[in-house]
């Protein structure tokens, strides 16, 4: 792109148009052919501070009917587990409400998602009439006792066909406790996790627990990388999409570590299929997903971010180059097995010049950044801005984002790595 110098207002307008036309960065692990559109918007931060989800509640005979949605959402006569937009049958909702000890709190897990437990049913809506507008069938105002909620919802489901268009499907709004807005558990806030692939057994740790369970290994060097995604058919958006991250080397030399920012639950919602491990497409599942605690397994959230600290088999720059080459167009794999397109590595390299640079220190810096800048934005808070910020912080050298258009919007925030979170958050 050749962009002329623009005023701040016209520049912002141009950037918004370009973002609408195509992404300028990428969230690692999420690909067009993964039906990602079905997952977008299924989880957000609720008004009360916690997460809230939207799920579809369908009649018990839903999977016996014909139609494209049935084929996508059902398997062997039942609902597929882990649907991007969680689904549950009428009878499942009633069963959970009958066991509820609170005001419509569902024990879960909803549709097999381990993180969707102890969620409160806030409302039920459906599409009604020729206008196809949403109609509220049930709203939980918090004043009903548990038995009243059960009676009201049971009556609502029984009469839904009279009020809603067909095929019948109700949307449930579910809210989670306040602490879910800050982390995967109430005792360890922060949407940052590490995968210690070479522990016995491999382990995933997250949040503040990273500080107390980290080793004393010291970081020595850091290198920035970028790549596009290998796809069978590339559209205009794909041609602008770049993912950036960092490779960190340690004094022990046994392995290196990829550090990257992406959508919240981008791996937990994608069965742990990371591009940085050979077993990504294993029919047995990935070692990463097996090691993940259930509370990390939820539909992904494109409005929030997580930061990943992933130990990989490559130990050196040359070995990481070889891995990128293996899964790129320059390797010998067929196109369908390729992961990276036009990988660039290293874009920048430098020594970690900090005095405090143990794994615990690295975890502290990244947690600080996530707690201070937890949103995900296509314009100014994404994988490219994080990688540039962290490289600047670790090395004291200049670094920037990959795409020319992003450079117009990029404002460095390396100071956030030292900004401690407040105690009451």
Foldseek 3Di string as FASTA:
>chain_A
DDDDDDDPVVLVVVLVVVCVVAFQAAFFQDDPVVPLVQQEPQWDQDPLQAIKGKAKEAELQLLVDDDDVNVVQDDPRHGQALDSRFYDYLVQQLVQLVVDPAQQFGQDDTSNQLQNGRWHWAFKWAQFDPVRDIDTQDGRPRPDGSVVNSVSSVVSVVCVVVGHDPPDMIMTMITDDNQNSFPLDNVFGFQEWEWQVPPVNIAIDDHPVQLVPFDQWFWWKKFKKKFFWQDPDDDPNSVSYMFMWMWIATPVLQWIKIKWKRWQLSCLSNQNQGLQDPCNPPPVGDSRSVNDDSSSRHNTYQFWMHMYIYTHRDRDQVSVVVSLCCQEPNHDDPSVRHTTYPMDPRPDMATQPDPDGTSSLVNLLVRLLCNVQTTHDSAEHGGQQVRQLVVCLRGVDHDHGDDPSSRVRYDHDNVSSVHHDDPVD
